[in-house]
């Protein structure tokens, strides 16, 4: 049951990242240069894809689900903590708090995934 919640969370966070970036790109509100943005987008979409694949594998009880999901959630931890700092620097407290909340949720999901079935 616990890994099922982690699987759904991982798929949800992956889809949310893709949706968020599509909205940001559509609005054209990207303050980064082309090279920086290219690398940033590649890492974000790679993270989202790994989360989605890992979550699906976890839900299907595939043996690769746990490690792939863990890698994706680890990438999420870095991304949301980095984003919290970015929005904190801009003075956007509500976005900073949202990313800190996602950091806590993602840390919990990662720990549940890592500890599930280890007893």
PDB file of N, CA and C in Angstrom:
ATOM      1  N   UNK A   1       0.826  -1.205   0.000  1.00  0.00           N
ATOM      2  CA  UNK A   1       0.000   0.000   0.000  1.00  0.00           C
ATOM      3  C   UNK A   1       0.865   1.262   0.000  1.00  0.00           C
ATOM      4  N   UNK A   2       1.926   1.275   0.840  1.00  0.00           N
ATOM      5  CA  UNK A   2       2.768   2.456   0.927  1.00  0.00           C
ATOM      6  C   UNK A   2       3.474   2.737  -0.391  1.00  0.00           C
ATOM      7  N   UNK A   3       3.974   1.676  -1.030  1.00  0.00           N
ATOM      8  CA  UNK A   3       4.659   1.895  -2.300  1.00  0.00           C
ATOM      9  C   UNK A   3       3.680   2.317  -3.393  1.00  0.00           C
ATOM     10  N   UNK A   4       2.429   1.947  -3.251  1.00  0.00           N
ATOM     11  CA  UNK A   4       1.416   2.366  -4.213  1.00  0.00           C
ATOM     12  C   UNK A   4       1.243   3.890  -4.160  1.00  0.00           C
ATOM     13  N   UNK A   5       1.171   4.433  -2.962  1.00  0.00           N
ATOM     14  CA  UNK A   5       1.047   5.886  -2.792  1.00  0.00           C
ATOM     15  C   UNK A   5       2.283   6.577  -3.365  1.00  0.00           C
ATOM     16  N   UNK A   6       3.461   6.012  -3.097  1.00  0.00           N
ATOM     17  CA  UNK A   6       4.702   6.580  -3.631  1.00  0.00           C
ATOM     18  C   UNK A   6       4.700   6.526  -5.156  1.00  0.00           C
ATOM     19  N   UNK A   7       4.221   5.440  -5.730  1.00  0.00           N
ATOM     20  CA  UNK A   7       4.139   5.327  -7.182  1.00  0.00           C
ATOM     21  C   UNK A   7       3.228   6.381  -7.786  1.00  0.00           C
ATOM     22  N   UNK A   8       2.058   6.555  -7.194  1.00  0.00           N
ATOM     23  CA  UNK A   8       1.126   7.575  -7.684  1.00  0.00           C
ATOM     24  C   UNK A   8       1.715   8.972  -7.527  1.00  0.00           C
ATOM     25  N   UNK A   9       2.359   9.217  -6.388  1.00  0.00           N
ATOM     26  CA  UNK A   9       2.984  10.524  -6.152  1.00  0.00           C
ATOM     27  C   UNK A   9       4.064  10.794  -7.197  1.00  0.00           C
ATOM     28  N   UNK A  10       4.874   9.799  -7.483  1.00  0.00           N
ATOM     29  CA  UNK A  10       5.954   9.951  -8.445  1.00  0.00           C
ATOM     30  C   UNK A  10       5.413  10.277  -9.841  1.00  0.00           C
ATOM     31  N   UNK A  11       4.359   9.580 -10.253  1.00  0.00           N
ATOM     32  CA  UNK A  11       3.735   9.857 -11.555  1.00  0.00           C
ATOM     33  C   UNK A  11       3.139  11.267 -11.548  1.00  0.00           C
ATOM     34  N   UNK A  12       2.455  11.615 -10.464  1.00  0.00           N
ATOM     35  CA  UNK A  12       1.839  12.939 -10.341  1.00  0.00           C
ATOM     36  C   UNK A  12       2.881  14.049 -10.427  1.00  0.00           C
ATOM     37  N   UNK A  13       3.973  13.911  -9.701  1.00  0.00           N
ATOM     38  CA  UNK A  13       4.992  14.964  -9.685  1.00  0.00           C
ATOM     39  C   UNK A  13       5.648  15.082 -11.058  1.00  0.00           C
ATOM     40  N   UNK A  14       5.860  13.954 -11.734  1.00  0.00           N
ATOM     41  CA  UNK A  14       6.442  13.993 -13.073  1.00  0.00           C
ATOM     42  C   UNK A  14       5.546  14.722 -14.068  1.00  0.00           C
ATOM     43  N   UNK A  15       4.263  14.394 -14.054  1.00  0.00           N
ATOM     44  CA  UNK A  15       3.309  15.054 -14.947  1.00  0.00           C
ATOM     45  C   UNK A  15       3.193  16.539 -14.603  1.00  0.00           C
ATOM     46  N   UNK A  16       3.213  16.859 -13.305  1.00  0.00           N
ATOM     47  CA  UNK A  16       3.110  18.258 -12.865  1.00  0.00           C
ATOM     48  C   UNK A  16       4.295  19.083 -13.338  1.00  0.00           C
ATOM     49  N   UNK A  17       5.483  18.511 -13.299  1.00  0.00           N
ATOM     50  CA  UNK A  17       6.681  19.225 -13.755  1.00  0.00           C
ATOM     51  C   UNK A  17       6.570  19.541 -15.247  1.00  0.00           C
ATOM     52  N   UNK A  18       6.150  18.560 -16.025  1.00  0.00           N
ATOM     53  CA  UNK A  18       5.995  18.785 -17.469  1.00  0.00           C
ATOM     54  C   UNK A  18       4.937  19.857 -17.732  1.00  0.00           C
ATOM     55  N   UNK A  19       3.806  19.776 -17.044  1.00  0.00           N
ATOM     56  CA  UNK A  19       2.730  20.755 -17.219  1.00  0.00           C
ATOM     57  C   UNK A  19       3.198  22.152 -16.821  1.00  0.00           C
ATOM     58  N   UNK A  20       3.931  22.251 -15.708  1.00  0.00           N
ATOM     59  CA  UNK A  20       4.416  23.549 -15.240  1.00  0.00           C
ATOM     60  C   UNK A  20       5.338  24.180 -16.283  1.00  0.00           C
ATOM     61  N   UNK A  21       6.276  23.386 -16.810  1.00  0.00           N
ATOM     62  CA  UNK A  21       7.208  23.925 -17.793  1.00  0.00           C
ATOM     63  C   UNK A  21       6.505  24.295 -19.098  1.00  0.00           C
ATOM     64  N   UNK A  22       5.517  23.535 -19.499  1.00  0.00           N
ATOM     65  CA  UNK A  22       4.781  23.889 -20.716  1.00  0.00           C
ATOM     66  C   UNK A  22       4.056  25.223 -20.535  1.00  0.00           C
ATOM     67  N   UNK A  23       3.498  25.464 -19.351  1.00  0.00           N
ATOM     68  CA  UNK A  23       2.837  26.743 -19.079  1.00  0.00           C
ATOM     69  C   UNK A  23       3.852  27.887 -19.046  1.00  0.00           C
ATOM     70  N   UNK A  24       4.998  27.660 -18.399  1.00  0.00           N
ATOM     71  CA  UNK A  24       6.031  28.702 -18.324  1.00  0.00           C
ATOM     72  C   UNK A  24       6.529  29.049 -19.725  1.00  0.00           C
ATOM     73  N   UNK A  25       6.780  28.035 -20.532  1.00  0.00           N
ATOM     74  CA  UNK A  25       7.273  28.272 -21.892  1.00  0.00           C
ATOM     75  C   UNK A  25       6.220  28.956 -22.763  1.00  0.00           C
ATOM     76  N   UNK A  26       4.962  28.579 -22.576  1.00  0.00           N
ATOM     77  CA  UNK A  26       3.877  29.197 -23.349  1.00  0.00           C
ATOM     78  C   UNK A  26       3.755  30.679 -23.017  1.00  0.00           C
ATOM     79  N   UNK A  27       3.925  31.027 -21.732  1.00  0.00           N
ATOM     80  CA  UNK A  27       3.815  32.424 -21.300  1.00  0.00           C
ATOM     81  C   UNK A  27       5.061  33.231 -21.655  1.00  0.00           C
ATOM     82  N   UNK A  28       6.138  32.551 -21.987  1.00  0.00           N
ATOM     83  CA  UNK A  28       7.368  33.236 -22.368  1.00  0.00           C
ATOM     84  C   UNK A  28       8.058  33.961 -21.230  1.00  0.00           C
ATOM     85  N   UNK A  29       7.794  33.531 -20.001  1.00  0.00           N
ATOM     86  CA  UNK A  29       8.369  34.213 -18.833  1.00  0.00           C
ATOM     87  C   UNK A  29       9.603  33.470 -18.302  1.00  0.00           C
ATOM     88  N   UNK A  30      10.562  33.231 -19.197  1.00  0.00           N
ATOM     89  CA  UNK A  30      11.764  32.492 -18.818  1.00  0.00           C
ATOM     90  C   UNK A  30      12.942  33.463 -18.802  1.00  0.00           C
ATOM     91  N   UNK A  31      13.526  33.689 -17.606  1.00  0.00           N
ATOM     92  CA  UNK A  31      14.607  34.672 -17.502  1.00  0.00           C
ATOM     93  C   UNK A  31      15.996  34.127 -17.859  1.00  0.00           C
ATOM     94  N   UNK A  32      16.089  32.895 -18.315  1.00  0.00           N
ATOM     95  CA  UNK A  32      17.373  32.273 -18.583  1.00  0.00           C
ATOM     96  C   UNK A  32      17.796  32.465 -20.036  1.00  0.00           C
ATOM     97  N   UNK A  33      19.108  32.385 -20.276  1.00  0.00           N
ATOM     98  CA  UNK A  33      19.625  32.419 -21.633  1.00  0.00           C
ATOM     99  C   UNK A  33      19.349  31.094 -22.322  1.00  0.00           C
ATOM    100  N   UNK A  34      19.554  31.036 -23.638  1.00  0.00           N
ATOM    101  CA  UNK A  34      19.215  29.846 -24.419  1.00  0.00           C
ATOM    102  C   UNK A  34      19.976  28.601 -23.971  1.00  0.00           C
ATOM    103  N   UNK A  35      21.275  28.713 -23.770  1.00  0.00           N
ATOM    104  CA  UNK A  35      22.067  27.543 -23.372  1.00  0.00           C
ATOM    105  C   UNK A  35      21.671  27.078 -21.979  1.00  0.00           C
ATOM    106  N   UNK A  36      21.572  28.018 -21.054  1.00  0.00           N
ATOM    107  CA  UNK A  36      21.178  27.686 -19.678  1.00  0.00           C
ATOM    108  C   UNK A  36      19.798  27.046 -19.658  1.00  0.00           C
ATOM    109  N   UNK A  37      18.877  27.613 -20.417  1.00  0.00           N
ATOM    110  CA  UNK A  37      17.510  27.083 -20.481  1.00  0.00           C
ATOM    111  C   UNK A  37      17.494  25.684 -21.089  1.00  0.00           C
ATOM    112  N   UNK A  38      18.303  25.461 -22.113  1.00  0.00           N
ATOM    113  CA  UNK A  38      18.344  24.137 -22.751  1.00  0.00           C
ATOM    114  C   UNK A  38      18.775  23.063 -21.763  1.00  0.00           C
ATOM    115  N   UNK A  39      19.833  23.338 -21.018  1.00  0.00           N
ATOM    116  CA  UNK A  39      20.304  22.369 -20.025  1.00  0.00           C
ATOM    117  C   UNK A  39      19.284  22.200 -18.900  1.00  0.00           C
ATOM    118  N   UNK A  40      18.691  23.322 -18.475  1.00  0.00           N
ATOM    119  CA  UNK A  40      17.698  23.277 -17.405  1.00  0.00           C
ATOM    120  C   UNK A  40      16.485  22.442 -17.829  1.00  0.00           C
ATOM    121  N   UNK A  41      15.977  22.702 -19.028  1.00  0.00           N
ATOM    122  CA  UNK A  41      14.825  21.951 -19.513  1.00  0.00           C
ATOM    123  C   UNK A  41      15.134  20.477 -19.693  1.00  0.00           C
ATOM    124  N   UNK A  42      16.328  20.172 -20.214  1.00  0.00           N
ATOM    125  CA  UNK A  42      16.707  18.774 -20.382  1.00  0.00           C
ATOM    126  C   UNK A  42      16.689  18.055 -19.034  1.00  0.00           C
ATOM    127  N   UNK A  43      17.282  18.678 -18.003  1.00  0.00           N
ATOM    128  CA  UNK A  43      17.328  18.020 -16.692  1.00  0.00           C
ATOM    129  C   UNK A  43      15.935  17.905 -16.070  1.00  0.00           C
ATOM    130  N   UNK A  44      15.094  18.912 -16.241  1.00  0.00           N
ATOM    131  CA  UNK A  44      13.739  18.867 -15.677  1.00  0.00           C
ATOM    132  C   UNK A  44      12.875  17.806 -16.369  1.00  0.00           C
ATOM    133  N   UNK A  45      12.950  17.743 -17.697  1.00  0.00           N
ATOM    134  CA  UNK A  45      12.155  16.750 -18.418  1.00  0.00           C
ATOM    135  C   UNK A  45      12.698  15.338 -18.190  1.00  0.00           C
ATOM    136  N   UNK A  46      14.016  15.207 -18.028  1.00  0.00           N
ATOM    137  CA  UNK A  46      14.589  13.906 -17.702  1.00  0.00           C
ATOM    138  C   UNK A  46      14.103  13.463 -16.313  1.00  0.00           C
ATOM    139  N   UNK A  47      14.112  14.388 -15.353  1.00  0.00           N
ATOM    140  CA  UNK A  47      13.627  14.090 -14.007  1.00  0.00           C
ATOM    141  C   UNK A  47      12.159  13.661 -14.056  1.00  0.00           C
ATOM    142  N   UNK A  48      11.348  14.417 -14.784  1.00  0.00           N
ATOM    143  CA  UNK A  48       9.917  14.114 -14.882  1.00  0.00           C
ATOM    144  C   UNK A  48       9.691  12.744 -15.509  1.00  0.00           C
ATOM    145  N   UNK A  49      10.430  12.454 -16.570  1.00  0.00           N
ATOM    146  CA  UNK A  49      10.291  11.164 -17.246  1.00  0.00           C
ATOM    147  C   UNK A  49      10.688  10.015 -16.333  1.00  0.00           C
ATOM    148  N   UNK A  50      11.791  10.164 -15.604  1.00  0.00           N
ATOM    149  CA  UNK A  50      12.240   9.122 -14.674  1.00  0.00           C
ATOM    150  C   UNK A  50      11.207   8.918 -13.571  1.00  0.00           C
ATOM    151  N   UNK A  51      10.623  10.014 -13.072  1.00  0.00           N
ATOM    152  CA  UNK A  51       9.579   9.890 -12.044  1.00  0.00           C
ATOM    153  C   UNK A  51       8.363   9.139 -12.574  1.00  0.00           C
ATOM    154  N   UNK A  52       7.933   9.475 -13.774  1.00  0.00           N
ATOM    155  CA  UNK A  52       6.758   8.822 -14.354  1.00  0.00           C
ATOM    156  C   UNK A  52       7.034   7.340 -14.584  1.00  0.00           C
ATOM    157  N   UNK A  53       8.160   7.040 -15.207  1.00  0.00           N
ATOM    158  CA  UNK A  53       8.507   5.642 -15.478  1.00  0.00           C
ATOM    159  C   UNK A  53       8.683   4.872 -14.167  1.00  0.00           C
ATOM    160  N   UNK A  54       9.409   5.459 -13.205  1.00  0.00           N
ATOM    161  CA  UNK A  54       9.621   4.799 -11.917  1.00  0.00           C
ATOM    162  C   UNK A  54       8.315   4.554 -11.177  1.00  0.00           C
ATOM    163  N   UNK A  55       7.418   5.539 -11.216  1.00  0.00           N
ATOM    164  CA  UNK A  55       6.126   5.380 -10.560  1.00  0.00           C
ATOM    165  C   UNK A  55       5.289   4.280 -11.189  1.00  0.00           C
ATOM    166  N   UNK A  56       5.278   4.241 -12.507  1.00  0.00           N
ATOM    167  CA  UNK A  56       4.525   3.188 -13.208  1.00  0.00           C
ATOM    168  C   UNK A  56       5.121   1.818 -12.907  1.00  0.00           C
ATOM    169  N   UNK A  57       6.443   1.718 -12.945  1.00  0.00           N
ATOM    170  CA  UNK A  57       7.092   0.436 -12.632  1.00  0.00           C
ATOM    171  C   UNK A  57       6.784   0.002 -11.200  1.00  0.00           C
ATOM    172  N   UNK A  58       6.786   0.974 -10.275  1.00  0.00           N
ATOM    173  CA  UNK A  58       6.476   0.667  -8.878  1.00  0.00           C
ATOM    174  C   UNK A  58       5.037   0.172  -8.746  1.00  0.00           C
ATOM    175  N   UNK A  59       4.118   0.826  -9.432  1.00  0.00           N
ATOM    176  CA  UNK A  59       2.714   0.422  -9.381  1.00  0.00           C
ATOM    177  C   UNK A  59       2.495  -0.960  -9.991  1.00  0.00           C
ATOM    178  N   UNK A  60       3.311  -1.304 -10.968  1.00  0.00           N
ATOM    179  CA  UNK A  60       3.210  -2.621 -11.605  1.00  0.00           C
ATOM    180  C   UNK A  60       4.032  -3.683 -10.876  1.00  0.00           C
ATOM    181  N   UNK A  61       4.621  -3.294  -9.748  1.00  0.00           N
ATOM    182  CA  UNK A  61       5.431  -4.193  -8.910  1.00  0.00           C
ATOM    183  C   UNK A  61       6.619  -4.786  -9.678  1.00  0.00           C
ATOM    184  N   UNK A  62       7.146  -4.004 -10.605  1.00  0.00           N
ATOM    185  CA  UNK A  62       8.331  -4.395 -11.358  1.00  0.00           C
ATOM    186  C   UNK A  62       9.549  -4.195 -10.463  1.00  0.00           C
ATOM    187  N   UNK A  63      10.519  -5.086 -10.536  1.00  0.00           N
ATOM    188  CA  UNK A  63      11.695  -5.008  -9.661  1.00  0.00           C
ATOM    189  C   UNK A  63      12.517  -3.737  -9.890  1.00  0.00           C
ATOM    190  N   UNK A  64      12.395  -3.123 -11.048  1.00  0.00           N
ATOM    191  CA  UNK A  64      13.122  -1.875 -11.308  1.00  0.00           C
ATOM    192  C   UNK A  64      12.399  -0.650 -10.748  1.00  0.00           C
ATOM    193  N   UNK A  65      11.159  -0.817 -10.321  1.00  0.00           N
ATOM    194  CA  UNK A  65      10.365   0.301  -9.835  1.00  0.00           C
ATOM    195  C   UNK A  65      10.992   1.047  -8.679  1.00  0.00           C
ATOM    196  N   UNK A  66      11.436   0.297  -7.688  1.00  0.00           N
ATOM    197  CA  UNK A  66      11.994   0.923  -6.482  1.00  0.00           C
ATOM    198  C   UNK A  66      13.250   1.749  -6.789  1.00  0.00           C
ATOM    199  N   UNK A  67      14.242   1.200  -7.487  1.00  0.00           N
ATOM    200  CA  UNK A  67      15.436   2.014  -7.753  1.00  0.00           C
ATOM    201  C   UNK A  67      15.176   3.170  -8.729  1.00  0.00           C
ATOM    202  N   UNK A  68      14.379   2.945  -9.764  1.00  0.00           N
ATOM    203  CA  UNK A  68      14.113   4.023 -10.727  1.00  0.00           C
ATOM    204  C   UNK A  68      13.322   5.142 -10.056  1.00  0.00           C
ATOM    205  N   UNK A  69      12.333   4.775  -9.276  1.00  0.00           N
ATOM    206  CA  UNK A  69      11.535   5.763  -8.549  1.00  0.00           C
ATOM    207  C   UNK A  69      12.416   6.542  -7.562  1.00  0.00           C
ATOM    208  N   UNK A  70      13.322   5.865  -6.905  1.00  0.00           N
ATOM    209  CA  UNK A  70      14.230   6.522  -5.959  1.00  0.00           C
ATOM    210  C   UNK A  70      15.123   7.539  -6.661  1.00  0.00           C
ATOM    211  N   UNK A  71      15.621   7.191  -7.831  1.00  0.00           N
ATOM    212  CA  UNK A  71      16.451   8.126  -8.598  1.00  0.00           C
ATOM    213  C   UNK A  71      15.641   9.359  -8.975  1.00  0.00           C
ATOM    214  N   UNK A  72      14.424   9.149  -9.478  1.00  0.00           N
ATOM    215  CA  UNK A  72      13.574  10.271  -9.855  1.00  0.00           C
ATOM    216  C   UNK A  72      13.245  11.171  -8.680  1.00  0.00           C
ATOM    217  N   UNK A  73      12.881  10.577  -7.551  1.00  0.00           N
ATOM    218  CA  UNK A  73      12.545  11.376  -6.372  1.00  0.00           C
ATOM    219  C   UNK A  73      13.767  12.100  -5.820  1.00  0.00           C
ATOM    220  N   UNK A  74      14.933  11.491  -5.934  1.00  0.00           N
ATOM    221  CA  UNK A  74      16.166  12.176  -5.537  1.00  0.00           C
ATOM    222  C   UNK A  74      16.401  13.405  -6.399  1.00  0.00           C
ATOM    223  N   UNK A  75      16.128  13.279  -7.682  1.00  0.00           N
ATOM    224  CA  UNK A  75      16.250  14.425  -8.582  1.00  0.00           C
ATOM    225  C   UNK A  75      15.237  15.510  -8.219  1.00  0.00           C
ATOM    226  N   UNK A  76      14.039  15.091  -7.823  1.00  0.00           N
ATOM    227  CA  UNK A  76      13.007  16.050  -7.404  1.00  0.00           C
ATOM    228  C   UNK A  76      13.481  16.828  -6.179  1.00  0.00           C
ATOM    229  N   UNK A  77      14.117  16.138  -5.229  1.00  0.00           N
ATOM    230  CA  UNK A  77      14.588  16.822  -4.021  1.00  0.00           C
ATOM    231  C   UNK A  77      15.525  17.975  -4.377  1.00  0.00           C
ATOM    232  N   UNK A  78      16.478  17.708  -5.252  1.00  0.00           N
ATOM    233  CA  UNK A  78      17.397  18.774  -5.667  1.00  0.00           C
ATOM    234  C   UNK A  78      16.636  19.902  -6.361  1.00  0.00           C
ATOM    235  N   UNK A  79      15.752  19.538  -7.271  1.00  0.00           N
ATOM    236  CA  UNK A  79      15.043  20.528  -8.072  1.00  0.00           C
ATOM    237  C   UNK A  79      14.159  21.449  -7.229  1.00  0.00           C
ATOM    238  N   UNK A  80      13.376  20.866  -6.322  1.00  0.00           N
ATOM    239  CA  UNK A  80      12.459  21.700  -5.536  1.00  0.00           C
ATOM    240  C   UNK A  80      13.202  22.535  -4.500  1.00  0.00           C
ATOM    241  N   UNK A  81      14.305  22.011  -3.968  1.00  0.00           N
ATOM    242  CA  UNK A  81      15.088  22.810  -3.022  1.00  0.00           C
ATOM    243  C   UNK A  81      15.751  23.980  -3.744  1.00  0.00           C
ATOM    244  N   UNK A  82      16.248  23.728  -4.937  1.00  0.00           N
ATOM    245  CA  UNK A  82      16.841  24.777  -5.755  1.00  0.00           C
ATOM    246  C   UNK A  82      15.784  25.831  -6.121  1.00  0.00           C
ATOM    247  N   UNK A  83      14.584  25.377  -6.501  1.00  0.00           N
ATOM    248  CA  UNK A  83      13.501  26.292  -6.864  1.00  0.00           C
ATOM    249  C   UNK A  83      13.061  27.131  -5.664  1.00  0.00           C
ATOM    250  N   UNK A  84      13.040  26.526  -4.468  1.00  0.00           N
ATOM    251  CA  UNK A  84      12.675  27.280  -3.261  1.00  0.00           C
ATOM    252  C   UNK A  84      13.649  28.435  -3.048  1.00  0.00           C
ATOM    253  N   UNK A  85      14.925  28.168  -3.238  1.00  0.00           N
ATOM    254  CA  UNK A  85      15.929  29.225  -3.105  1.00  0.00           C
ATOM    255  C   UNK A  85      15.773  30.306  -4.159  1.00  0.00           C
ATOM    256  N   UNK A  86      15.483  29.902  -5.385  1.00  0.00           N
ATOM    257  CA  UNK A  86      15.293  30.855  -6.483  1.00  0.00           C
ATOM    258  C   UNK A  86      14.131  31.797  -6.172  1.00  0.00           C
ATOM    259  N   UNK A  87      12.970  31.223  -5.798  1.00  0.00           N
ATOM    260  CA  UNK A  87      11.804  32.057  -5.518  1.00  0.00           C
ATOM    261  C   UNK A  87      11.967  32.840  -4.214  1.00  0.00           C
ATOM    262  N   UNK A  88      12.702  32.281  -3.270  1.00  0.00           N
ATOM    263  CA  UNK A  88      12.995  33.031  -2.046  1.00  0.00           C
ATOM    264  C   UNK A  88      13.807  34.270  -2.351  1.00  0.00           C
ATOM    265  N   UNK A  89      14.779  34.133  -3.237  1.00  0.00           N
ATOM    266  CA  UNK A  89      15.616  35.266  -3.644  1.00  0.00           C
ATOM    267  C   UNK A  89      14.793  36.343  -4.347  1.00  0.00           C
ATOM    268  N   UNK A  90      13.773  35.931  -5.087  1.00  0.00           N
ATOM    269  CA  UNK A  90      12.886  36.886  -5.763  1.00  0.00           C
ATOM    270  C   UNK A  90      11.879  37.526  -4.814  1.00  0.00           C
ATOM    271  N   UNK A  91      11.812  37.007  -3.581  1.00  0.00           N
ATOM    272  CA  UNK A  91      10.856  37.525  -2.613  1.00  0.00           C
ATOM    273  C   UNK A  91       9.455  36.953  -2.785  1.00  0.00           C
ATOM    274  N   UNK A  92       9.339  35.874  -3.544  1.00  0.00           N
ATOM    275  CA  UNK A  92       8.043  35.234  -3.773  1.00  0.00           C
ATOM    276  C   UNK A  92       7.856  34.144  -2.710  1.00  0.00           C
ATOM    277  N   UNK A  93       7.368  34.565  -1.549  1.00  0.00           N
ATOM    278  CA  UNK A  93       7.263  33.680  -0.389  1.00  0.00           C
ATOM    279  C   UNK A  93       6.308  32.518  -0.622  1.00  0.00           C
ATOM    280  N   UNK A  94       5.189  32.762  -1.302  1.00  0.00           N
ATOM    281  CA  UNK A  94       4.219  31.676  -1.490  1.00  0.00           C
ATOM    282  C   UNK A  94       4.809  30.551  -2.351  1.00  0.00           C
ATOM    283  N   UNK A  95       5.531  30.894  -3.409  1.00  0.00           N
ATOM    284  CA  UNK A  95       6.177  29.861  -4.234  1.00  0.00           C
ATOM    285  C   UNK A  95       7.273  29.150  -3.438  1.00  0.00           C
ATOM    286  N   UNK A  96       8.021  29.919  -2.655  1.00  0.00           N
ATOM    287  CA  UNK A  96       9.077  29.323  -1.842  1.00  0.00           C
ATOM    288  C   UNK A  96       8.482  28.300  -0.869  1.00  0.00           C
ATOM    289  N   UNK A  97       7.395  28.656  -0.213  1.00  0.00           N
ATOM    290  CA  UNK A  97       6.735  27.750   0.738  1.00  0.00           C
ATOM    291  C   UNK A  97       6.200  26.510   0.012  1.00  0.00           C
ATOM    292  N   UNK A  98       5.627  26.703  -1.183  1.00  0.00           N
ATOM    293  CA  UNK A  98       5.115  25.562  -1.940  1.00  0.00           C
ATOM    294  C   UNK A  98       6.252  24.587  -2.265  1.00  0.00           C
ATOM    295  N   UNK A  99       7.403  25.101  -2.689  1.00  0.00           N
ATOM    296  CA  UNK A  99       8.518  24.214  -3.034  1.00  0.00           C
ATOM    297  C   UNK A  99       9.117  23.543  -1.796  1.00  0.00           C
ATOM    298  N   UNK A 100       9.110  24.227  -0.669  1.00  0.00           N
ATOM    299  CA  UNK A 100       9.570  23.596   0.581  1.00  0.00           C
ATOM    300  C   UNK A 100       8.605  22.471   0.960  1.00  0.00           C
ATOM    301  N   UNK A 101       7.307  22.717   0.799  1.00  0.00           N
ATOM    302  CA  UNK A 101       6.299  21.684   1.068  1.00  0.00           C
ATOM    303  C   UNK A 101       6.518  20.471   0.157  1.00  0.00           C
ATOM    304  N   UNK A 102       6.789  20.720  -1.125  1.00  0.00           N
ATOM    305  CA  UNK A 102       7.070  19.623  -2.051  1.00  0.00           C
ATOM    306  C   UNK A 102       8.356  18.890  -1.669  1.00  0.00           C
ATOM    307  N   UNK A 103       9.321  19.614  -1.128  1.00  0.00           N
ATOM    308  CA  UNK A 103      10.549  18.979  -0.655  1.00  0.00           C
ATOM    309  C   UNK A 103      10.241  17.995   0.468  1.00  0.00           C
ATOM    310  N   UNK A 104       9.400  18.423   1.421  1.00  0.00           N
ATOM    311  CA  UNK A 104       9.027  17.552   2.544  1.00  0.00           C
ATOM    312  C   UNK A 104       8.243  16.341   2.041  1.00  0.00           C
ATOM    313  N   UNK A 105       7.267  16.561   1.151  1.00  0.00           N
ATOM    314  CA  UNK A 105       6.480  15.444   0.596  1.00  0.00           C
ATOM    315  C   UNK A 105       7.368  14.469  -0.173  1.00  0.00           C
ATOM    316  N   UNK A 106       8.261  15.004  -0.981  1.00  0.00           N
ATOM    317  CA  UNK A 106       9.128  14.156  -1.797  1.00  0.00           C
ATOM    318  C   UNK A 106      10.127  13.390  -0.937  1.00  0.00           C
ATOM    319  N   UNK A 107      10.625  14.020   0.120  1.00  0.00           N
ATOM    320  CA  UNK A 107      11.522  13.329   1.053  1.00  0.00           C
ATOM    321  C   UNK A 107      10.786  12.172   1.714  1.00  0.00           C
ATOM    322  N   UNK A 108       9.547  12.420   2.128  1.00  0.00           N
ATOM    323  CA  UNK A 108       8.735  11.376   2.743  1.00  0.00           C
ATOM    324  C   UNK A 108       8.490  10.232   1.759  1.00  0.00           C
ATOM    325  N   UNK A 109       8.132  10.573   0.522  1.00  0.00           N
ATOM    326  CA  UNK A 109       7.881   9.542  -0.495  1.00  0.00           C
ATOM    327  C   UNK A 109       9.143   8.725  -0.759  1.00  0.00           C
ATOM    328  N   UNK A 110      10.290   9.390  -0.815  1.00  0.00           N
ATOM    329  CA  UNK A 110      11.551   8.681  -1.052  1.00  0.00           C
ATOM    330  C   UNK A 110      11.867   7.744   0.107  1.00  0.00           C
ATOM    331  N   UNK A 111      11.692   8.214   1.325  1.00  0.00           N
ATOM    332  CA  UNK A 111      11.967   7.367   2.493  1.00  0.00           C
ATOM    333  C   UNK A 111      11.013   6.173   2.547  1.00  0.00           C
ATOM    334  N   UNK A 112       9.746   6.401   2.252  1.00  0.00           N
ATOM    335  CA  UNK A 112       8.783   5.290   2.222  1.00  0.00           C
ATOM    336  C   UNK A 112       9.210   4.274   1.175  1.00  0.00           C
ATOM    337  N   UNK A 113       9.612   4.771   0.007  1.00  0.00           N
ATOM    338  CA  UNK A 113      10.047   3.873  -1.065  1.00  0.00           C
ATOM    339  C   UNK A 113      11.283   3.072  -0.658  1.00  0.00           C
ATOM    340  N   UNK A 114      12.239   3.719  -0.045  1.00  0.00           N
ATOM    341  CA  UNK A 114      13.469   3.049   0.339  1.00  0.00           C
ATOM    342  C   UNK A 114      13.265   2.052   1.481  1.00  0.00           C
ATOM    343  N   UNK A 115      12.357   2.376   2.403  1.00  0.00           N
ATOM    344  CA  UNK A 115      12.163   1.525   3.583  1.00  0.00           C
ATOM    345  C   UNK A 115      11.092   0.448   3.378  1.00  0.00           C
ATOM    346  N   UNK A 116      10.283   0.579   2.354  1.00  0.00           N
ATOM    347  CA  UNK A 116       9.196  -0.389   2.112  1.00  0.00           C
ATOM    348  C   UNK A 116       9.782  -1.757   1.810  1.00  0.00           C
ATOM    349  N   UNK A 117       9.314  -2.737   2.541  1.00  0.00           N
ATOM    350  CA  UNK A 117       9.727  -4.109   2.317  1.00  0.00           C
ATOM    351  C   UNK A 117      11.103  -4.459   2.850  1.00  0.00           C
ATOM    352  N   UNK A 118      11.728  -3.521   3.593  1.00  0.00           N
ATOM    353  CA  UNK A 118      13.065  -3.805   4.106  1.00  0.00           C
ATOM    354  C   UNK A 118      13.038  -4.458   5.482  1.00  0.00           C
ATOM    355  N   UNK A 119      11.854  -4.677   6.017  1.00  0.00           N
ATOM    356  CA  UNK A 119      11.753  -5.282   7.358  1.00  0.00           C
ATOM    357  C   UNK A 119      11.389  -6.732   7.271  1.00  0.00           C
TER     358      UNK A 119
END
